[in-house]
Amino acid sequence: MLKLMLLRHAKSSWSDPAMTDHARPLNDRGRQAAPLMGRHMARLGLVPDRILCSTALRARETLAGILPAFSAAMSIAITDDLYDASSTRIAETVRQSGGDAGTLLVIGHNPGMQETAAGLVESGDSALMGQMIGHYPTAALAVIDFDLPRWADLTAASGHLAAFMRPKDLG
């Protein structure tokens, strides 16, 4: 059984209109949401073996915000393959870079994260699926289980949505 967690980066700052998209940092709300989500993940035992993260500053700062919640050793890859990536590219990155991780966390951007989650899910709670498909806000996390031996076997509509969490639901 493989577990894929798709985390959209936390809320970013738009205070400097001259800043490139790739260089945008988190805003105050994002700096609060990332550790909140990390602690919630840890409480639920959602601890990744491997993390794949976009190279964008806001994604890397989201990663830095969640990491203190985890005490387990994990491998981390910062990859440009996830920056502004389509769902096809995200799924291919998971297939190629998931390695032997039983639980894989991907930190990226919308609309790719939402489209990837929607495209991979075949079953799950209909209310959660509706929330996920309707709106995938910043720092939201989809947890999808797969009955697969390895990430290279990942196909569309083959997963079960085990959870969908948004920072506003965590208090």
C-alpha atoms as a PDB file:
ATOM      1  CA  MET A   1       0.000   0.000   0.000  1.00  0.00           C
ATOM      2  CA  LEU A   2       1.380   3.376  -1.022  1.00  0.00           C
ATOM      3  CA  LYS A   3       0.285   6.727   0.400  1.00  0.00           C
ATOM      4  CA  LEU A   4       0.579   9.951  -1.600  1.00  0.00           C
ATOM      5  CA  MET A   5       0.118  13.306   0.116  1.00  0.00           C
ATOM      6  CA  LEU A   6      -0.369  16.329  -2.120  1.00  0.00           C
ATOM      7  CA  LEU A   7       0.243  19.595  -0.273  1.00  0.00           C
ATOM      8  CA  ARG A   8      -0.387  22.900  -1.962  1.00  0.00           C
ATOM      9  CA  HIS A   9       2.109  25.527  -0.794  1.00  0.00           C
ATOM     10  CA  ALA A  10       0.887  27.873   1.958  1.00  0.00           C
ATOM     11  CA  LYS A  11      -0.402  31.398   1.264  1.00  0.00           C
ATOM     12  CA  SER A  12       2.141  33.565  -0.519  1.00  0.00           C
ATOM     13  CA  SER A  13       2.808  37.268  -0.441  1.00  0.00           C
ATOM     14  CA  TRP A  14       1.872  39.605  -3.264  1.00  0.00           C
ATOM     15  CA  SER A  15       3.283  42.700  -1.534  1.00  0.00           C
ATOM     16  CA  ASP A  16       5.952  43.304  -4.187  1.00  0.00           C
ATOM     17  CA  PRO A  17       4.392  43.352  -7.680  1.00  0.00           C
ATOM     18  CA  ALA A  18       7.848  43.502  -9.279  1.00  0.00           C
ATOM     19  CA  MET A  19       8.902  40.186  -7.706  1.00  0.00           C
ATOM     20  CA  THR A  20       9.039  37.162  -9.992  1.00  0.00           C
ATOM     21  CA  ASP A  21       6.501  34.423  -9.351  1.00  0.00           C
ATOM     22  CA  HIS A  22       9.249  31.933  -8.482  1.00  0.00           C
ATOM     23  CA  ALA A  23      10.689  34.265  -5.805  1.00  0.00           C
ATOM     24  CA  ARG A  24       7.446  35.045  -3.948  1.00  0.00           C
ATOM     25  CA  PRO A  25       7.722  34.187  -0.213  1.00  0.00           C
ATOM     26  CA  LEU A  26       4.976  33.170   2.192  1.00  0.00           C
ATOM     27  CA  ASN A  27       2.907  35.879   3.837  1.00  0.00           C
ATOM     28  CA  ASP A  28       2.085  35.897   7.579  1.00  0.00           C
ATOM     29  CA  ARG A  29      -0.939  33.652   7.106  1.00  0.00           C
ATOM     30  CA  GLY A  30       1.184  31.164   5.153  1.00  0.00           C
ATOM     31  CA  ARG A  31       3.920  31.167   7.805  1.00  0.00           C
ATOM     32  CA  GLN A  32       1.255  30.207  10.362  1.00  0.00           C
ATOM     33  CA  ALA A  33      -0.556  27.632   8.204  1.00  0.00           C
ATOM     34  CA  ALA A  34       2.480  25.535   7.232  1.00  0.00           C
ATOM     35  CA  PRO A  35       3.512  24.565  10.803  1.00  0.00           C
ATOM     36  CA  LEU A  36      -0.156  24.056  11.719  1.00  0.00           C
ATOM     37  CA  MET A  37      -0.547  21.557   8.872  1.00  0.00           C
ATOM     38  CA  GLY A  38       2.754  19.869   9.738  1.00  0.00           C
ATOM     39  CA  ARG A  39       1.720  19.365  13.371  1.00  0.00           C
ATOM     40  CA  HIS A  40      -1.670  18.024  12.279  1.00  0.00           C
ATOM     41  CA  MET A  41      -0.025  15.599   9.861  1.00  0.00           C
ATOM     42  CA  ALA A  42       2.302  14.358  12.599  1.00  0.00           C
ATOM     43  CA  ARG A  43      -0.603  13.905  15.059  1.00  0.00           C
ATOM     44  CA  LEU A  44      -2.357  11.728  12.470  1.00  0.00           C
ATOM     45  CA  GLY A  45       0.792   9.711  11.747  1.00  0.00           C
ATOM     46  CA  LEU A  46       1.040  11.152   8.226  1.00  0.00           C
ATOM     47  CA  VAL A  47       4.829  11.227   8.211  1.00  0.00           C
ATOM     48  CA  PRO A  48       6.479  11.031   4.791  1.00  0.00           C
ATOM     49  CA  ASP A  49       9.390   8.770   3.945  1.00  0.00           C
ATOM     50  CA  ARG A  50      10.244  11.034   1.034  1.00  0.00           C
ATOM     51  CA  ILE A  51       9.353  14.616   0.090  1.00  0.00           C
ATOM     52  CA  LEU A  52       9.368  16.102  -3.396  1.00  0.00           C
ATOM     53  CA  CYS A  53       9.145  19.896  -3.346  1.00  0.00           C
ATOM     54  CA  SER A  54       8.955  22.617  -5.988  1.00  0.00           C
ATOM     55  CA  THR A  55      11.910  24.978  -6.245  1.00  0.00           C
ATOM     56  CA  ALA A  56       9.670  28.060  -5.798  1.00  0.00           C
ATOM     57  CA  LEU A  57      10.458  29.993  -2.628  1.00  0.00           C
ATOM     58  CA  ARG A  58       6.888  29.710  -1.269  1.00  0.00           C
ATOM     59  CA  ALA A  59       6.997  25.900  -1.652  1.00  0.00           C
ATOM     60  CA  ARG A  60      10.414  25.654   0.029  1.00  0.00           C
ATOM     61  CA  GLU A  61       9.200  27.882   2.881  1.00  0.00           C
ATOM     62  CA  THR A  62       6.137  25.637   3.250  1.00  0.00           C
ATOM     63  CA  LEU A  63       8.492  22.663   3.497  1.00  0.00           C
ATOM     64  CA  ALA A  64      10.567  24.483   6.139  1.00  0.00           C
ATOM     65  CA  GLY A  65       7.366  25.206   8.064  1.00  0.00           C
ATOM     66  CA  ILE A  66       6.174  21.594   8.229  1.00  0.00           C
ATOM     67  CA  LEU A  67       9.526  19.870   8.822  1.00  0.00           C
ATOM     68  CA  PRO A  68       9.857  20.653  12.572  1.00  0.00           C
ATOM     69  CA  ALA A  69       6.735  18.535  13.192  1.00  0.00           C
ATOM     70  CA  PHE A  70       8.481  15.363  12.029  1.00  0.00           C
ATOM     71  CA  SER A  71      11.172  13.516  13.944  1.00  0.00           C
ATOM     72  CA  ALA A  72      11.619  10.633  11.481  1.00  0.00           C
ATOM     73  CA  ALA A  73      14.408  10.563   8.920  1.00  0.00           C
ATOM     74  CA  MET A  74      13.244  11.215   5.373  1.00  0.00           C
ATOM     75  CA  SER A  75      14.742  12.011   2.017  1.00  0.00           C
ATOM     76  CA  ILE A  76      13.959  15.382   0.442  1.00  0.00           C
ATOM     77  CA  ALA A  77      14.313  16.399  -3.193  1.00  0.00           C
ATOM     78  CA  ILE A  78      13.790  19.983  -4.332  1.00  0.00           C
ATOM     79  CA  THR A  79      12.896  19.770  -8.011  1.00  0.00           C
ATOM     80  CA  ASP A  80      12.080  22.227 -10.747  1.00  0.00           C
ATOM     81  CA  ASP A  81       9.828  19.505 -12.226  1.00  0.00           C
ATOM     82  CA  LEU A  82       7.105  20.598  -9.772  1.00  0.00           C
ATOM     83  CA  TYR A  83       7.215  24.335 -10.409  1.00  0.00           C
ATOM     84  CA  ASP A  84       4.083  25.416 -12.301  1.00  0.00           C
ATOM     85  CA  ALA A  85       3.604  21.762 -13.283  1.00  0.00           C
ATOM     86  CA  SER A  86       0.585  20.218 -14.958  1.00  0.00           C
ATOM     87  CA  SER A  87      -1.119  17.192 -13.448  1.00  0.00           C
ATOM     88  CA  THR A  88       0.550  15.018 -16.099  1.00  0.00           C
ATOM     89  CA  ARG A  89       3.988  16.307 -15.117  1.00  0.00           C
ATOM     90  CA  ILE A  90       3.297  15.911 -11.383  1.00  0.00           C
ATOM     91  CA  ALA A  91       2.159  12.303 -11.836  1.00  0.00           C
ATOM     92  CA  GLU A  92       5.218  11.563 -13.962  1.00  0.00           C
ATOM     93  CA  THR A  93       7.491  13.112 -11.313  1.00  0.00           C
ATOM     94  CA  VAL A  94       5.869  10.856  -8.689  1.00  0.00           C
ATOM     95  CA  ARG A  95       6.393   7.796 -10.915  1.00  0.00           C
ATOM     96  CA  GLN A  96      10.037   8.650 -11.587  1.00  0.00           C
ATOM     97  CA  SER A  97      11.097  10.099  -8.222  1.00  0.00           C
ATOM     98  CA  GLY A  98       8.926   8.353  -5.628  1.00  0.00           C
ATOM     99  CA  GLY A  99      11.619   5.760  -5.119  1.00  0.00           C
ATOM    100  CA  ASP A 100      10.945   3.182  -2.449  1.00  0.00           C
ATOM    101  CA  ALA A 101       8.933   5.546  -0.226  1.00  0.00           C
ATOM    102  CA  GLY A 102       5.811   4.029   1.265  1.00  0.00           C
ATOM    103  CA  THR A 103       4.529   7.507   2.081  1.00  0.00           C
ATOM    104  CA  LEU A 104       5.377  10.265  -0.365  1.00  0.00           C
ATOM    105  CA  LEU A 105       4.687  13.975   0.142  1.00  0.00           C
ATOM    106  CA  VAL A 106       4.606  16.326  -2.860  1.00  0.00           C
ATOM    107  CA  ILE A 107       4.613  20.095  -2.273  1.00  0.00           C
ATOM    108  CA  GLY A 108       3.553  22.108  -5.288  1.00  0.00           C
ATOM    109  CA  HIS A 109       1.177  24.578  -6.879  1.00  0.00           C
ATOM    110  CA  ASN A 110      -2.329  24.909  -8.223  1.00  0.00           C
ATOM    111  CA  PRO A 111      -3.959  24.160 -10.531  1.00  0.00           C
ATOM    112  CA  GLY A 112      -1.612  21.179 -10.866  1.00  0.00           C
ATOM    113  CA  MET A 113      -2.045  19.833  -7.339  1.00  0.00           C
ATOM    114  CA  GLN A 114      -5.845  19.939  -7.466  1.00  0.00           C
ATOM    115  CA  GLU A 115      -5.973  18.412 -10.953  1.00  0.00           C
ATOM    116  CA  THR A 116      -3.515  15.684  -9.955  1.00  0.00           C
ATOM    117  CA  ALA A 117      -5.548  14.752  -6.886  1.00  0.00           C
ATOM    118  CA  ALA A 118      -8.808  14.750  -8.849  1.00  0.00           C
ATOM    119  CA  GLY A 119      -7.281  12.658 -11.619  1.00  0.00           C
ATOM    120  CA  LEU A 120      -5.797  10.037  -9.306  1.00  0.00           C
ATOM    121  CA  VAL A 121      -8.805   9.479  -7.051  1.00  0.00           C
ATOM    122  CA  GLU A 122     -11.268   6.735  -7.911  1.00  0.00           C
ATOM    123  CA  SER A 123     -13.007   6.361  -4.557  1.00  0.00           C
ATOM    124  CA  GLY A 124     -13.437   8.019  -1.191  1.00  0.00           C
ATOM    125  CA  ASP A 125     -15.879  10.008   0.877  1.00  0.00           C
ATOM    126  CA  SER A 126     -18.058  11.917  -1.587  1.00  0.00           C
ATOM    127  CA  ALA A 127     -18.206  15.049   0.595  1.00  0.00           C
ATOM    128  CA  LEU A 128     -14.390  15.180   0.854  1.00  0.00           C
ATOM    129  CA  MET A 129     -14.034  14.548  -2.862  1.00  0.00           C
ATOM    130  CA  GLY A 130     -16.458  17.401  -3.535  1.00  0.00           C
ATOM    131  CA  GLN A 131     -14.482  19.750  -1.268  1.00  0.00           C
ATOM    132  CA  MET A 132     -11.203  18.796  -2.938  1.00  0.00           C
ATOM    133  CA  ILE A 133     -12.523  19.178  -6.470  1.00  0.00           C
ATOM    134  CA  GLY A 134     -14.441  22.367  -5.634  1.00  0.00           C
ATOM    135  CA  HIS A 135     -11.613  24.307  -4.002  1.00  0.00           C
ATOM    136  CA  TYR A 136      -8.039  23.293  -3.127  1.00  0.00           C
ATOM    137  CA  PRO A 137      -6.882  26.255  -1.009  1.00  0.00           C
ATOM    138  CA  THR A 138      -3.330  27.090  -0.032  1.00  0.00           C
ATOM    139  CA  ALA A 139      -1.813  24.662   2.511  1.00  0.00           C
ATOM    140  CA  ALA A 140      -4.537  22.086   1.768  1.00  0.00           C
ATOM    141  CA  LEU A 141      -3.526  18.435   1.869  1.00  0.00           C
ATOM    142  CA  ALA A 142      -5.017  15.492  -0.012  1.00  0.00           C
ATOM    143  CA  VAL A 143      -4.067  12.019   1.242  1.00  0.00           C
ATOM    144  CA  ILE A 144      -4.538   9.300  -1.363  1.00  0.00           C
ATOM    145  CA  ASP A 145      -3.961   5.574  -0.806  1.00  0.00           C
ATOM    146  CA  PHE A 146      -2.968   3.217  -3.622  1.00  0.00           C
ATOM    147  CA  ASP A 147      -2.943  -0.561  -3.719  1.00  0.00           C
ATOM    148  CA  LEU A 148       0.268  -0.581  -5.740  1.00  0.00           C
ATOM    149  CA  PRO A 149       3.710  -2.125  -5.210  1.00  0.00           C
ATOM    150  CA  ARG A 150       5.671   0.848  -6.539  1.00  0.00           C
ATOM    151  CA  TRP A 151       5.232   4.441  -7.688  1.00  0.00           C
ATOM    152  CA  ALA A 152       6.188   3.556 -11.264  1.00  0.00           C
ATOM    153  CA  ASP A 153       2.820   1.737 -11.511  1.00  0.00           C
ATOM    154  CA  LEU A 154       0.766   4.851 -10.715  1.00  0.00           C
ATOM    155  CA  THR A 155      -2.200   5.326 -13.074  1.00  0.00           C
ATOM    156  CA  ALA A 156      -5.157   7.680 -13.291  1.00  0.00           C
ATOM    157  CA  ALA A 157      -8.251   6.946 -11.197  1.00  0.00           C
ATOM    158  CA  SER A 158      -6.500   4.267  -9.138  1.00  0.00           C
ATOM    159  CA  GLY A 159      -6.451   5.832  -5.661  1.00  0.00           C
ATOM    160  CA  HIS A 160      -8.689   6.136  -2.643  1.00  0.00           C
ATOM    161  CA  LEU A 161      -9.057   9.591  -1.066  1.00  0.00           C
ATOM    162  CA  ALA A 162      -8.318   8.887   2.596  1.00  0.00           C
ATOM    163  CA  ALA A 163      -8.401  12.534   3.737  1.00  0.00           C
ATOM    164  CA  PHE A 164      -8.611  16.119   2.571  1.00  0.00           C
ATOM    165  CA  MET A 165      -7.589  18.769   5.077  1.00  0.00           C
ATOM    166  CA  ARG A 166      -7.589  22.553   4.901  1.00  0.00           C
ATOM    167  CA  PRO A 167      -5.944  24.865   7.431  1.00  0.00           C
ATOM    168  CA  LYS A 168      -9.311  26.476   8.256  1.00  0.00           C
ATOM    169  CA  ASP A 169     -10.579  23.035   9.364  1.00  0.00           C
ATOM    170  CA  LEU A 170      -7.729  22.646  11.864  1.00  0.00           C
ATOM    171  CA  GLY A 171      -8.655  25.561  14.107  1.00  0.00           C
END
